[in-house]
Amino acid sequence: MKRRCCVFLVLGPCMLLAACSPRDVSFSADVQPILRQYCQDCHVPGGAGHAASGFDMSTYESLMKGGRYGPFVIPGDPLASTLNVLVEGRAHPSIRMPHGRGTLTGDEVEVLRVWVQEGAKNN
């Protein structure tokens, strides 16, 4: 009995953390709706964000291509991905995204972070 308790004490918190973190984030079901709501007014051809950065978020392919300043998403690395840096507020406040609008919810930021961490798949 003592051995089982020790195993639970070690594995229990790990299983709880795994259950609380979203996994298998879908680009089409989870990420794209966030981008449509907050980003695609500006970051599509003809939009102010596209004119300023050359960055088009209208498709997965254009999102992964990046813009004038390089890649926007680095699969597997949310700490270095510009997408995460800008929506999490880790950049200068003048370039926090979405620019001039409200911020994403904590849940939306987490979905983007996990999606990038999981490899930014087109799923």
PDB file of N, CA and C in Angstrom:
ATOM      1  N   MET A   1       0.822  -1.203   0.000  1.00  0.00           N
ATOM      2  CA  MET A   1       0.000   0.000   0.000  1.00  0.00           C
ATOM      3  C   MET A   1       0.863   1.264   0.000  1.00  0.00           C
ATOM      4  N   LYS A   2       1.942   1.232   0.763  1.00  0.00           N
ATOM      5  CA  LYS A   2       2.826   2.381   0.843  1.00  0.00           C
ATOM      6  C   LYS A   2       3.426   2.700  -0.527  1.00  0.00           C
ATOM      7  N   ARG A   3       3.768   1.686  -1.293  1.00  0.00           N
ATOM      8  CA  ARG A   3       4.362   1.879  -2.610  1.00  0.00           C
ATOM      9  C   ARG A   3       3.363   2.571  -3.554  1.00  0.00           C
ATOM     10  N   ARG A   4       2.089   2.173  -3.517  1.00  0.00           N
ATOM     11  CA  ARG A   4       1.071   2.796  -4.383  1.00  0.00           C
ATOM     12  C   ARG A   4       0.885   4.267  -4.056  1.00  0.00           C
ATOM     13  N   CYS A   5       0.903   4.607  -2.783  1.00  0.00           N
ATOM     14  CA  CYS A   5       0.747   6.012  -2.389  1.00  0.00           C
ATOM     15  C   CYS A   5       1.897   6.854  -2.922  1.00  0.00           C
ATOM     16  N   CYS A   6       3.109   6.315  -2.848  1.00  0.00           N
ATOM     17  CA  CYS A   6       4.268   7.051  -3.360  1.00  0.00           C
ATOM     18  C   CYS A   6       4.152   7.273  -4.863  1.00  0.00           C
ATOM     19  N   VAL A   7       3.705   6.259  -5.574  1.00  0.00           N
ATOM     20  CA  VAL A   7       3.533   6.378  -7.022  1.00  0.00           C
ATOM     21  C   VAL A   7       2.504   7.451  -7.338  1.00  0.00           C
ATOM     22  N   PHE A   8       1.393   7.480  -6.611  1.00  0.00           N
ATOM     23  CA  PHE A   8       0.361   8.488  -6.861  1.00  0.00           C
ATOM     24  C   PHE A   8       0.885   9.887  -6.554  1.00  0.00           C
ATOM     25  N   LEU A   9       1.633  10.023  -5.460  1.00  0.00           N
ATOM     26  CA  LEU A   9       2.164  11.331  -5.099  1.00  0.00           C
ATOM     27  C   LEU A   9       3.109  11.868  -6.167  1.00  0.00           C
ATOM     28  N   VAL A  10       3.824  10.980  -6.824  1.00  0.00           N
ATOM     29  CA  VAL A  10       4.748  11.403  -7.878  1.00  0.00           C
ATOM     30  C   VAL A  10       4.020  11.615  -9.197  1.00  0.00           C
ATOM     31  N   LEU A  11       3.192  10.661  -9.596  1.00  0.00           N
ATOM     32  CA  LEU A  11       2.532  10.729 -10.891  1.00  0.00           C
ATOM     33  C   LEU A  11       1.249  11.545 -10.877  1.00  0.00           C
ATOM     34  N   GLY A  12       0.575  11.625  -9.760  1.00  0.00           N
ATOM     35  CA  GLY A  12      -0.705  12.340  -9.672  1.00  0.00           C
ATOM     36  C   GLY A  12      -0.646  13.763 -10.191  1.00  0.00           C
ATOM     37  N   PRO A  13       0.294  14.594  -9.672  1.00  0.00           N
ATOM     38  CA  PRO A  13       0.373  15.977 -10.176  1.00  0.00           C
ATOM     39  C   PRO A  13       0.694  16.045 -11.666  1.00  0.00           C
ATOM     40  N   CYS A  14       1.524  15.130 -12.154  1.00  0.00           N
ATOM     41  CA  CYS A  14       1.860  15.125 -13.588  1.00  0.00           C
ATOM     42  C   CYS A  14       0.620  14.836 -14.428  1.00  0.00           C
ATOM     43  N   MET A  15      -0.166  13.867 -13.994  1.00  0.00           N
ATOM     44  CA  MET A  15      -1.387  13.531 -14.734  1.00  0.00           C
ATOM     45  C   MET A  15      -2.378  14.677 -14.669  1.00  0.00           C
ATOM     46  N   LEU A  16      -2.447  15.368 -13.533  1.00  0.00           N
ATOM     47  CA  LEU A  16      -3.350  16.502 -13.393  1.00  0.00           C
ATOM     48  C   LEU A  16      -2.938  17.630 -14.323  1.00  0.00           C
ATOM     49  N   LEU A  17      -1.651  17.924 -14.385  1.00  0.00           N
ATOM     50  CA  LEU A  17      -1.175  18.971 -15.289  1.00  0.00           C
ATOM     51  C   LEU A  17      -1.444  18.619 -16.736  1.00  0.00           C
ATOM     52  N   ALA A  18      -1.249  17.374 -17.109  1.00  0.00           N
ATOM     53  CA  ALA A  18      -1.507  16.946 -18.483  1.00  0.00           C
ATOM     54  C   ALA A  18      -2.985  17.076 -18.816  1.00  0.00           C
ATOM     55  N   ALA A  19      -3.852  16.785 -17.865  1.00  0.00           N
ATOM     56  CA  ALA A  19      -5.291  16.871 -18.107  1.00  0.00           C
ATOM     57  C   ALA A  19      -5.749  18.315 -18.245  1.00  0.00           C
ATOM     58  N   CYS A  20      -5.046  19.249 -17.621  1.00  0.00           N
ATOM     59  CA  CYS A  20      -5.450  20.655 -17.641  1.00  0.00           C
ATOM     60  C   CYS A  20      -4.937  21.396 -18.871  1.00  0.00           C
ATOM     61  N   SER A  21      -3.892  20.904 -19.496  1.00  0.00           N
ATOM     62  CA  SER A  21      -3.314  21.579 -20.654  1.00  0.00           C
ATOM     63  C   SER A  21      -3.991  21.100 -21.924  1.00  0.00           C
ATOM     64  N   PRO A  22      -4.394  22.043 -22.805  1.00  0.00           N
ATOM     65  CA  PRO A  22      -4.979  21.604 -24.069  1.00  0.00           C
ATOM     66  C   PRO A  22      -3.931  20.898 -24.916  1.00  0.00           C
ATOM     67  N   ARG A  23      -4.342  19.874 -25.616  1.00  0.00           N
ATOM     68  CA  ARG A  23      -3.449  19.130 -26.480  1.00  0.00           C
ATOM     69  C   ARG A  23      -4.148  18.876 -27.797  1.00  0.00           C
ATOM     70  N   ASP A  24      -3.328  18.597 -28.818  1.00  0.00           N
ATOM     71  CA  ASP A  24      -3.856  18.353 -30.153  1.00  0.00           C
ATOM     72  C   ASP A  24      -4.714  19.523 -30.621  1.00  0.00           C
ATOM     73  N   VAL A  25      -4.148  20.709 -30.527  1.00  0.00           N
ATOM     74  CA  VAL A  25      -4.844  21.905 -30.978  1.00  0.00           C
ATOM     75  C   VAL A  25      -4.940  21.849 -32.494  1.00  0.00           C
ATOM     76  N   SER A  26      -6.118  22.116 -33.010  1.00  0.00           N
ATOM     77  CA  SER A  26      -6.380  22.065 -34.443  1.00  0.00           C
ATOM     78  C   SER A  26      -6.284  23.465 -35.043  1.00  0.00           C
ATOM     79  N   PHE A  27      -5.534  23.574 -36.137  1.00  0.00           N
ATOM     80  CA  PHE A  27      -5.456  24.863 -36.813  1.00  0.00           C
ATOM     81  C   PHE A  27      -6.838  25.307 -37.280  1.00  0.00           C
ATOM     82  N   SER A  28      -7.548  24.428 -37.986  1.00  0.00           N
ATOM     83  CA  SER A  28      -8.831  24.833 -38.572  1.00  0.00           C
ATOM     84  C   SER A  28      -9.915  25.050 -37.515  1.00  0.00           C
ATOM     85  N   ALA A  29      -9.941  24.252 -36.464  1.00  0.00           N
ATOM     86  CA  ALA A  29     -11.019  24.361 -35.471  1.00  0.00           C
ATOM     87  C   ALA A  29     -10.707  25.334 -34.347  1.00  0.00           C
ATOM     88  N   ASP A  30      -9.428  25.469 -33.984  1.00  0.00           N
ATOM     89  CA  ASP A  30      -9.084  26.263 -32.810  1.00  0.00           C
ATOM     90  C   ASP A  30      -8.335  27.555 -33.134  1.00  0.00           C
ATOM     91  N   VAL A  31      -7.345  27.478 -34.003  1.00  0.00           N
ATOM     92  CA  VAL A  31      -6.467  28.619 -34.270  1.00  0.00           C
ATOM     93  C   VAL A  31      -7.073  29.572 -35.292  1.00  0.00           C
ATOM     94  N   GLN A  32      -7.535  29.046 -36.407  1.00  0.00           N
ATOM     95  CA  GLN A  32      -8.048  29.908 -37.470  1.00  0.00           C
ATOM     96  C   GLN A  32      -9.191  30.817 -37.011  1.00  0.00           C
ATOM     97  N   PRO A  33     -10.132  30.347 -36.180  1.00  0.00           N
ATOM     98  CA  PRO A  33     -11.174  31.267 -35.701  1.00  0.00           C
ATOM     99  C   PRO A  33     -10.616  32.444 -34.889  1.00  0.00           C
ATOM    100  N   ILE A  34      -9.557  32.209 -34.124  1.00  0.00           N
ATOM    101  CA  ILE A  34      -8.930  33.299 -33.368  1.00  0.00           C
ATOM    102  C   ILE A  34      -8.294  34.292 -34.329  1.00  0.00           C
ATOM    103  N   LEU A  35      -7.590  33.783 -35.336  1.00  0.00           N
ATOM    104  CA  LEU A  35      -6.957  34.669 -36.317  1.00  0.00           C
ATOM    105  C   LEU A  35      -8.001  35.463 -37.095  1.00  0.00           C
ATOM    106  N   ARG A  36      -9.095  34.831 -37.452  1.00  0.00           N
ATOM    107  CA  ARG A  36     -10.167  35.547 -38.163  1.00  0.00           C
ATOM    108  C   ARG A  36     -10.729  36.674 -37.312  1.00  0.00           C
ATOM    109  N   GLN A  37     -10.959  36.386 -36.041  1.00  0.00           N
ATOM    110  CA  GLN A  37     -11.577  37.374 -35.152  1.00  0.00           C
ATOM    111  C   GLN A  37     -10.673  38.567 -34.875  1.00  0.00           C
ATOM    112  N   TYR A  38      -9.394  38.317 -34.675  1.00  0.00           N
ATOM    113  CA  TYR A  38      -8.509  39.387 -34.212  1.00  0.00           C
ATOM    114  C   TYR A  38      -7.527  39.913 -35.247  1.00  0.00           C
ATOM    115  N   CYS A  39      -7.180  39.141 -36.267  1.00  0.00           N
ATOM    116  CA  CYS A  39      -6.025  39.475 -37.106  1.00  0.00           C
ATOM    117  C   CYS A  39      -6.346  39.768 -38.572  1.00  0.00           C
ATOM    118  N   GLN A  40      -7.325  39.074 -39.109  1.00  0.00           N
ATOM    119  CA  GLN A  40      -7.498  39.115 -40.556  1.00  0.00           C
ATOM    120  C   GLN A  40      -8.146  40.387 -41.075  1.00  0.00           C
ATOM    121  N   ASP A  41      -8.596  41.269 -40.234  1.00  0.00           N
ATOM    122  CA  ASP A  41      -9.055  42.568 -40.733  1.00  0.00           C
ATOM    123  C   ASP A  41      -7.882  43.354 -41.311  1.00  0.00           C
ATOM    124  N   CYS A  42      -6.708  43.190 -40.693  1.00  0.00           N
ATOM    125  CA  CYS A  42      -5.526  43.958 -41.102  1.00  0.00           C
ATOM    126  C   CYS A  42      -4.504  43.155 -41.886  1.00  0.00           C
ATOM    127  N   HIS A  43      -4.312  41.891 -41.518  1.00  0.00           N
ATOM    128  CA  HIS A  43      -3.226  41.095 -42.095  1.00  0.00           C
ATOM    129  C   HIS A  43      -3.695  40.221 -43.249  1.00  0.00           C
ATOM    130  N   VAL A  44      -4.256  40.882 -44.247  1.00  0.00           N
ATOM    131  CA  VAL A  44      -4.627  40.275 -45.525  1.00  0.00           C
ATOM    132  C   VAL A  44      -4.243  41.288 -46.596  1.00  0.00           C
ATOM    133  N   PRO A  45      -4.012  40.854 -47.828  1.00  0.00           N
ATOM    134  CA  PRO A  45      -3.681  41.816 -48.876  1.00  0.00           C
ATOM    135  C   PRO A  45      -4.695  42.960 -48.914  1.00  0.00           C
ATOM    136  N   GLY A  46      -4.193  44.176 -48.903  1.00  0.00           N
ATOM    137  CA  GLY A  46      -5.031  45.364 -48.889  1.00  0.00           C
ATOM    138  C   GLY A  46      -5.239  45.922 -47.494  1.00  0.00           C
ATOM    139  N   GLY A  47      -4.919  45.162 -46.461  1.00  0.00           N
ATOM    140  CA  GLY A  47      -5.076  45.607 -45.082  1.00  0.00           C
ATOM    141  C   GLY A  47      -3.865  46.389 -44.603  1.00  0.00           C
ATOM    142  N   ALA A  48      -4.062  47.206 -43.580  1.00  0.00           N
ATOM    143  CA  ALA A  48      -2.985  48.043 -43.051  1.00  0.00           C
ATOM    144  C   ALA A  48      -1.830  47.204 -42.502  1.00  0.00           C
ATOM    145  N   GLY A  49      -2.134  46.117 -41.818  1.00  0.00           N
ATOM    146  CA  GLY A  49      -1.085  45.262 -41.272  1.00  0.00           C
ATOM    147  C   GLY A  49      -0.268  44.589 -42.352  1.00  0.00           C
ATOM    148  N   HIS A  50      -0.934  44.210 -43.427  1.00  0.00           N
ATOM    149  CA  HIS A  50      -0.223  43.600 -44.559  1.00  0.00           C
ATOM    150  C   HIS A  50       0.665  44.635 -45.232  1.00  0.00           C
ATOM    151  N   ALA A  51       0.164  45.849 -45.389  1.00  0.00           N
ATOM    152  CA  ALA A  51       0.954  46.912 -46.013  1.00  0.00           C
ATOM    153  C   ALA A  51       2.200  47.223 -45.181  1.00  0.00           C
ATOM    154  N   ALA A  52       2.069  47.205 -43.869  1.00  0.00           N
ATOM    155  CA  ALA A  52       3.187  47.546 -42.990  1.00  0.00           C
ATOM    156  C   ALA A  52       4.209  46.421 -42.863  1.00  0.00           C
ATOM    157  N   SER A  53       3.743  45.172 -42.902  1.00  0.00           N
ATOM    158  CA  SER A  53       4.639  44.060 -42.594  1.00  0.00           C
ATOM    159  C   SER A  53       4.819  43.052 -43.730  1.00  0.00           C
ATOM    160  N   GLY A  54       3.957  43.116 -44.735  1.00  0.00           N
ATOM    161  CA  GLY A  54       3.986  42.106 -45.782  1.00  0.00           C
ATOM    162  C   GLY A  54       3.466  40.766 -45.304  1.00  0.00           C
ATOM    163  N   PHE A  55       2.788  40.780 -44.174  1.00  0.00           N
ATOM    164  CA  PHE A  55       2.350  39.546 -43.537  1.00  0.00           C
ATOM    165  C   PHE A  55       0.869  39.299 -43.795  1.00  0.00           C
ATOM    166  N   ASP A  56       0.581  38.143 -44.401  1.00  0.00           N
ATOM    167  CA  ASP A  56      -0.780  37.741 -44.774  1.00  0.00           C
ATOM    168  C   ASP A  56      -1.186  36.544 -43.911  1.00  0.00           C
ATOM    169  N   MET A  57      -2.289  36.671 -43.198  1.00  0.00           N
ATOM    170  CA  MET A  57      -2.763  35.601 -42.320  1.00  0.00           C
ATOM    171  C   MET A  57      -4.016  34.921 -42.846  1.00  0.00           C
ATOM    172  N   SER A  58      -4.290  35.074 -44.117  1.00  0.00           N
ATOM    173  CA  SER A  58      -5.548  34.550 -44.655  1.00  0.00           C
ATOM    174  C   SER A  58      -5.545  33.041 -44.849  1.00  0.00           C
ATOM    175  N   THR A  59      -4.376  32.419 -44.972  1.00  0.00           N
ATOM    176  CA  THR A  59      -4.301  30.969 -45.134  1.00  0.00           C
ATOM    177  C   THR A  59      -3.177  30.422 -44.254  1.00  0.00           C
ATOM    178  N   TYR A  60      -3.212  29.132 -44.023  1.00  0.00           N
ATOM    179  CA  TYR A  60      -2.136  28.484 -43.273  1.00  0.00           C
ATOM    180  C   TYR A  60      -0.799  28.704 -43.983  1.00  0.00           C
ATOM    181  N   GLU A  61      -0.783  28.531 -45.283  1.00  0.00           N
ATOM    182  CA  GLU A  61       0.450  28.664 -46.056  1.00  0.00           C
ATOM    183  C   GLU A  61       1.036  30.075 -45.945  1.00  0.00           C
ATOM    184  N   SER A  62       0.194  31.083 -46.039  1.00  0.00           N
ATOM    185  CA  SER A  62       0.708  32.448 -45.949  1.00  0.00           C
ATOM    186  C   SER A  62       1.150  32.778 -44.518  1.00  0.00           C
ATOM    187  N   LEU A  63       0.461  32.237 -43.540  1.00  0.00           N
ATOM    188  CA  LEU A  63       0.848  32.421 -42.142  1.00  0.00           C
ATOM    189  C   LEU A  63       2.243  31.850 -41.904  1.00  0.00           C
ATOM    190  N   MET A  64       2.476  30.649 -42.420  1.00  0.00           N
ATOM    191  CA  MET A  64       3.756  29.992 -42.207  1.00  0.00           C
ATOM    192  C   MET A  64       4.878  30.603 -43.055  1.00  0.00           C
ATOM    193  N   LYS A  65       4.519  31.282 -44.133  1.00  0.00           N
ATOM    194  CA  LYS A  65       5.517  31.929 -44.989  1.00  0.00           C
ATOM    195  C   LYS A  65       6.174  33.102 -44.266  1.00  0.00           C
ATOM    196  N   GLY A  66       5.410  33.791 -43.446  1.00  0.00           N
ATOM    197  CA  GLY A  66       5.946  34.954 -42.746  1.00  0.00           C
ATOM    198  C   GLY A  66       5.748  36.213 -43.555  1.00  0.00           C
ATOM    199  N   GLY A  67       6.518  37.220 -43.235  1.00  0.00           N
ATOM    200  CA  GLY A  67       6.364  38.509 -43.903  1.00  0.00           C
ATOM    201  C   GLY A  67       7.706  39.147 -44.188  1.00  0.00           C
ATOM    202  N   ARG A  68       7.667  40.439 -44.331  1.00  0.00           N
ATOM    203  CA  ARG A  68       8.842  41.234 -44.675  1.00  0.00           C
ATOM    204  C   ARG A  68       9.961  41.081 -43.640  1.00  0.00           C
ATOM    205  N   TYR A  69       9.593  40.798 -42.385  1.00  0.00           N
ATOM    206  CA  TYR A  69      10.578  40.729 -41.301  1.00  0.00           C
ATOM    207  C   TYR A  69      10.921  39.295 -40.903  1.00  0.00           C
ATOM    208  N   GLY A  70      10.549  38.343 -41.740  1.00  0.00           N
ATOM    209  CA  GLY A  70      10.917  36.959 -41.481  1.00  0.00           C
ATOM    210  C   GLY A  70       9.745  36.104 -41.054  1.00  0.00           C
ATOM    211  N   PRO A  71      10.043  34.923 -40.523  1.00  0.00           N
ATOM    212  CA  PRO A  71       8.977  33.996 -40.131  1.00  0.00           C
ATOM    213  C   PRO A  71       8.184  34.556 -38.956  1.00  0.00           C
ATOM    214  N   PHE A  72       6.932  34.226 -38.919  1.00  0.00           N
ATOM    215  CA  PHE A  72       6.040  34.672 -37.860  1.00  0.00           C
ATOM    216  C   PHE A  72       5.791  33.559 -36.859  1.00  0.00           C
ATOM    217  N   VAL A  73       5.850  32.334 -37.334  1.00  0.00           N
ATOM    218  CA  VAL A  73       5.635  31.158 -36.497  1.00  0.00           C
ATOM    219  C   VAL A  73       6.843  30.239 -36.652  1.00  0.00           C
ATOM    220  N   ILE A  74       7.417  29.848 -35.524  1.00  0.00           N
ATOM    221  CA  ILE A  74       8.505  28.883 -35.519  1.00  0.00           C
ATOM    222  C   ILE A  74       7.956  27.629 -34.859  1.00  0.00           C
ATOM    223  N   PRO A  75       7.581  26.622 -35.665  1.00  0.00           N
ATOM    224  CA  PRO A  75       6.970  25.421 -35.104  1.00  0.00           C
ATOM    225  C   PRO A  75       7.799  24.823 -33.968  1.00  0.00           C
ATOM    226  N   GLY A  76       7.121  24.565 -32.857  1.00  0.00           N
ATOM    227  CA  GLY A  76       7.774  23.983 -31.696  1.00  0.00           C
ATOM    228  C   GLY A  76       8.376  24.993 -30.741  1.00  0.00           C
ATOM    229  N   ASP A  77       8.371  26.284 -31.095  1.00  0.00           N
ATOM    230  CA  ASP A  77       9.051  27.289 -30.265  1.00  0.00           C
ATOM    231  C   ASP A  77       8.182  28.535 -30.030  1.00  0.00           C
ATOM    232  N   PRO A  78       7.224  28.460 -29.102  1.00  0.00           N
ATOM    233  CA  PRO A  78       6.390  29.629 -28.840  1.00  0.00           C
ATOM    234  C   PRO A  78       7.145  30.785 -28.188  1.00  0.00           C
ATOM    235  N   LEU A  79       8.280  30.525 -27.566  1.00  0.00           N
ATOM    236  CA  LEU A  79       9.050  31.621 -26.970  1.00  0.00           C
ATOM    237  C   LEU A  79       9.679  32.515 -28.030  1.00  0.00           C
ATOM    238  N   ALA A  80      10.034  31.944 -29.175  1.00  0.00           N
ATOM    239  CA  ALA A  80      10.676  32.710 -30.244  1.00  0.00           C
ATOM    240  C   ALA A  80       9.715  33.109 -31.358  1.00  0.00           C
ATOM    241  N   SER A  81       8.529  32.536 -31.403  1.00  0.00           N
ATOM    242  CA  SER A  81       7.581  32.840 -32.478  1.00  0.00           C
ATOM    243  C   SER A  81       7.006  34.240 -32.300  1.00  0.00           C
ATOM    244  N   THR A  82       7.127  35.035 -33.340  1.00  0.00           N
ATOM    245  CA  THR A  82       6.624  36.400 -33.305  1.00  0.00           C
ATOM    246  C   THR A  82       5.133  36.433 -32.975  1.00  0.00           C
ATOM    247  N   LEU A  83       4.371  35.488 -33.488  1.00  0.00           N
ATOM    248  CA  LEU A  83       2.942  35.414 -33.170  1.00  0.00           C
ATOM    249  C   LEU A  83       2.731  35.443 -31.665  1.00  0.00           C
ATOM    250  N   ASN A  84       3.420  34.580 -30.939  1.00  0.00           N
ATOM    251  CA  ASN A  84       3.252  34.491 -29.499  1.00  0.00           C
ATOM    252  C   ASN A  84       3.806  35.720 -28.785  1.00  0.00           C
ATOM    253  N   VAL A  85       4.940  36.196 -29.221  1.00  0.00           N
ATOM    254  CA  VAL A  85       5.547  37.379 -28.611  1.00  0.00           C
ATOM    255  C   VAL A  85       4.586  38.558 -28.676  1.00  0.00           C
ATOM    256  N   LEU A  86       3.944  38.750 -29.827  1.00  0.00           N
ATOM    257  CA  LEU A  86       3.073  39.913 -30.009  1.00  0.00           C
ATOM    258  C   LEU A  86       1.736  39.800 -29.287  1.00  0.00           C
ATOM    259  N   VAL A  87       1.124  38.636 -29.286  1.00  0.00           N
ATOM    260  CA  VAL A  87      -0.186  38.521 -28.626  1.00  0.00           C
ATOM    261  C   VAL A  87      -0.056  38.363 -27.112  1.00  0.00           C
ATOM    262  N   GLU A  88       1.111  37.902 -26.646  1.00  0.00           N
ATOM    263  CA  GLU A  88       1.324  37.755 -25.208  1.00  0.00           C
ATOM    264  C   GLU A  88       1.816  39.038 -24.564  1.00  0.00           C
ATOM    265  N   GLY A  89       2.113  40.049 -25.364  1.00  0.00           N
ATOM    266  CA  GLY A  89       2.575  41.323 -24.817  1.00  0.00           C
ATOM    267  C   GLY A  89       4.037  41.309 -24.401  1.00  0.00           C
ATOM    268  N   ARG A  90       4.842  40.423 -24.998  1.00  0.00           N
ATOM    269  CA  ARG A  90       6.269  40.367 -24.666  1.00  0.00           C
ATOM    270  C   ARG A  90       7.089  41.315 -25.524  1.00  0.00           C
ATOM    271  N   ALA A  91       6.438  42.042 -26.401  1.00  0.00           N
ATOM    272  CA  ALA A  91       7.108  43.042 -27.235  1.00  0.00           C
ATOM    273  C   ALA A  91       6.730  44.425 -26.700  1.00  0.00           C
ATOM    274  N   HIS A  92       7.290  45.433 -27.286  1.00  0.00           N
ATOM    275  CA  HIS A  92       6.961  46.805 -26.889  1.00  0.00           C
ATOM    276  C   HIS A  92       5.451  47.034 -27.035  1.00  0.00           C
ATOM    277  N   PRO A  93       4.836  47.733 -26.093  1.00  0.00           N
ATOM    278  CA  PRO A  93       3.385  47.951 -26.163  1.00  0.00           C
ATOM    279  C   PRO A  93       2.899  48.570 -27.469  1.00  0.00           C
ATOM    280  N   SER A  94       3.751  49.309 -28.158  1.00  0.00           N
ATOM    281  CA  SER A  94       3.334  49.949 -29.408  1.00  0.00           C
ATOM    282  C   SER A  94       3.090  48.946 -30.529  1.00  0.00           C
ATOM    283  N   ILE A  95       3.634  47.731 -30.389  1.00  0.00           N
ATOM    284  CA  ILE A  95       3.414  46.729 -31.439  1.00  0.00           C
ATOM    285  C   ILE A  95       2.666  45.498 -30.921  1.00  0.00           C
ATOM    286  N   ARG A  96       2.080  45.601 -29.744  1.00  0.00           N
ATOM    287  CA  ARG A  96       1.276  44.487 -29.233  1.00  0.00           C
ATOM    288  C   ARG A  96       0.110  44.264 -30.187  1.00  0.00           C
ATOM    289  N   MET A  97      -0.212  43.010 -30.412  1.00  0.00           N
ATOM    290  CA  MET A  97      -1.314  42.664 -31.312  1.00  0.00           C
ATOM    291  C   MET A  97      -2.449  42.043 -30.522  1.00  0.00           C
ATOM    292  N   PRO A  98      -3.654  42.247 -30.988  1.00  0.00           N
ATOM    293  CA  PRO A  98      -4.048  43.043 -32.154  1.00  0.00           C
ATOM    294  C   PRO A  98      -3.891  44.535 -31.873  1.00  0.00           C
ATOM    295  N   HIS A  99      -3.349  45.235 -32.828  1.00  0.00           N
ATOM    296  CA  HIS A  99      -3.026  46.657 -32.684  1.00  0.00           C
ATOM    297  C   HIS A  99      -4.295  47.499 -32.646  1.00  0.00           C
ATOM    298  N   GLY A 100      -4.408  48.310 -31.613  1.00  0.00           N
ATOM    299  CA  GLY A 100      -5.536  49.229 -31.501  1.00  0.00           C
ATOM    300  C   GLY A 100      -6.861  48.568 -31.165  1.00  0.00           C
ATOM    301  N   ARG A 101      -6.837  47.308 -30.764  1.00  0.00           N
ATOM    302  CA  ARG A 101      -8.064  46.587 -30.413  1.00  0.00           C
ATOM    303  C   ARG A 101      -7.844  45.929 -29.064  1.00  0.00           C
ATOM    304  N   GLY A 102      -8.854  45.265 -28.564  1.00  0.00           N
ATOM    305  CA  GLY A 102      -8.725  44.540 -27.311  1.00  0.00           C
ATOM    306  C   GLY A 102      -7.717  43.412 -27.427  1.00  0.00           C
ATOM    307  N   THR A 103      -7.354  42.849 -26.296  1.00  0.00           N
ATOM    308  CA  THR A 103      -6.402  41.755 -26.304  1.00  0.00           C
ATOM    309  C   THR A 103      -7.133  40.415 -26.359  1.00  0.00           C
ATOM    310  N   LEU A 104      -6.415  39.402 -26.718  1.00  0.00           N
ATOM    311  CA  LEU A 104      -6.967  38.051 -26.716  1.00  0.00           C
ATOM    312  C   LEU A 104      -7.188  37.613 -25.273  1.00  0.00           C
ATOM    313  N   THR A 105      -8.116  36.704 -25.072  1.00  0.00           N
ATOM    314  CA  THR A 105      -8.322  36.153 -23.733  1.00  0.00           C
ATOM    315  C   THR A 105      -7.148  35.248 -23.383  1.00  0.00           C
ATOM    316  N   GLY A 106      -7.012  34.945 -22.117  1.00  0.00           N
ATOM    317  CA  GLY A 106      -5.965  34.026 -21.687  1.00  0.00           C
ATOM    318  C   GLY A 106      -6.094  32.674 -22.356  1.00  0.00           C
ATOM    319  N   ASP A 107      -7.327  32.198 -22.528  1.00  0.00           N
ATOM    320  CA  ASP A 107      -7.549  30.912 -23.188  1.00  0.00           C
ATOM    321  C   ASP A 107      -7.120  30.963 -24.650  1.00  0.00           C
ATOM    322  N   GLU A 108      -7.399  32.065 -25.326  1.00  0.00           N
ATOM    323  CA  GLU A 108      -7.009  32.194 -26.739  1.00  0.00           C
ATOM    324  C   GLU A 108      -5.495  32.249 -26.883  1.00  0.00           C
ATOM    325  N   VAL A 109      -4.829  32.974 -26.003  1.00  0.00           N
ATOM    326  CA  VAL A 109      -3.367  33.036 -26.006  1.00  0.00           C
ATOM    327  C   VAL A 109      -2.786  31.642 -25.778  1.00  0.00           C
ATOM    328  N   GLU A 110      -3.389  30.895 -24.857  1.00  0.00           N
ATOM    329  CA  GLU A 110      -2.920  29.534 -24.558  1.00  0.00           C
ATOM    330  C   GLU A 110      -3.106  28.607 -25.754  1.00  0.00           C
ATOM    331  N   VAL A 111      -4.221  28.731 -26.464  1.00  0.00           N
ATOM    332  CA  VAL A 111      -4.446  27.908 -27.662  1.00  0.00           C
ATOM    333  C   VAL A 111      -3.340  28.169 -28.686  1.00  0.00           C
ATOM    334  N   LEU A 112      -3.008  29.426 -28.919  1.00  0.00           N
ATOM    335  CA  LEU A 112      -1.946  29.747 -29.881  1.00  0.00           C
ATOM    336  C   LEU A 112      -0.599  29.223 -29.403  1.00  0.00           C
ATOM    337  N   ARG A 113      -0.329  29.350 -28.108  1.00  0.00           N
ATOM    338  CA  ARG A 113       0.937  28.867 -27.558  1.00  0.00           C
ATOM    339  C   ARG A 113       1.063  27.352 -27.718  1.00  0.00           C
ATOM    340  N   VAL A 114       0.022  26.633 -27.367  1.00  0.00           N
ATOM    341  CA  VAL A 114       0.065  25.173 -27.460  1.00  0.00           C
ATOM    342  C   VAL A 114       0.154  24.732 -28.914  1.00  0.00           C
ATOM    343  N   TRP A 115      -0.581  25.401 -29.805  1.00  0.00           N
ATOM    344  CA  TRP A 115      -0.525  25.049 -31.230  1.00  0.00           C
ATOM    345  C   TRP A 115       0.908  25.163 -31.758  1.00  0.00           C
ATOM    346  N   VAL A 116       1.579  26.264 -31.435  1.00  0.00           N
ATOM    347  CA  VAL A 116       2.960  26.435 -31.883  1.00  0.00           C
ATOM    348  C   VAL A 116       3.849  25.391 -31.223  1.00  0.00           C
ATOM    349  N   GLN A 117       3.661  25.177 -29.909  1.00  0.00           N
ATOM    350  CA  GLN A 117       4.475  24.182 -29.194  1.00  0.00           C
ATOM    351  C   GLN A 117       4.330  22.788 -29.808  1.00  0.00           C
ATOM    352  N   GLU A 118       3.134  22.468 -30.260  1.00  0.00           N
ATOM    353  CA  GLU A 118       2.863  21.147 -30.859  1.00  0.00           C
ATOM    354  C   GLU A 118       3.340  21.051 -32.309  1.00  0.00           C
ATOM    355  N   GLY A 119       3.960  22.088 -32.812  1.00  0.00           N
ATOM    356  CA  GLY A 119       4.521  22.020 -34.162  1.00  0.00           C
ATOM    357  C   GLY A 119       3.771  22.824 -35.203  1.00  0.00           C
ATOM    358  N   ALA A 120       2.774  23.608 -34.785  1.00  0.00           N
ATOM    359  CA  ALA A 120       2.028  24.501 -35.710  1.00  0.00           C
ATOM    360  C   ALA A 120       1.547  23.741 -36.943  1.00  0.00           C
ATOM    361  N   LYS A 121       0.879  22.608 -36.690  1.00  0.00           N
ATOM    362  CA  LYS A 121       0.429  21.749 -37.786  1.00  0.00           C
ATOM    363  C   LYS A 121      -0.802  22.321 -38.505  1.00  0.00           C
ATOM    364  N   ASN A 122      -0.918  21.972 -39.770  1.00  0.00           N
ATOM    365  CA  ASN A 122      -2.091  22.345 -40.574  1.00  0.00           C
ATOM    366  C   ASN A 122      -3.109  21.218 -40.445  1.00  0.00           C
ATOM    367  N   ASN A 123      -3.792  21.207 -39.328  1.00  0.00           N
ATOM    368  CA  ASN A 123      -4.752  20.143 -39.056  1.00  0.00           C
ATOM    369  C   ASN A 123      -6.133  20.699 -38.761  1.00  0.00           C
TER     370      ASN A 123
END
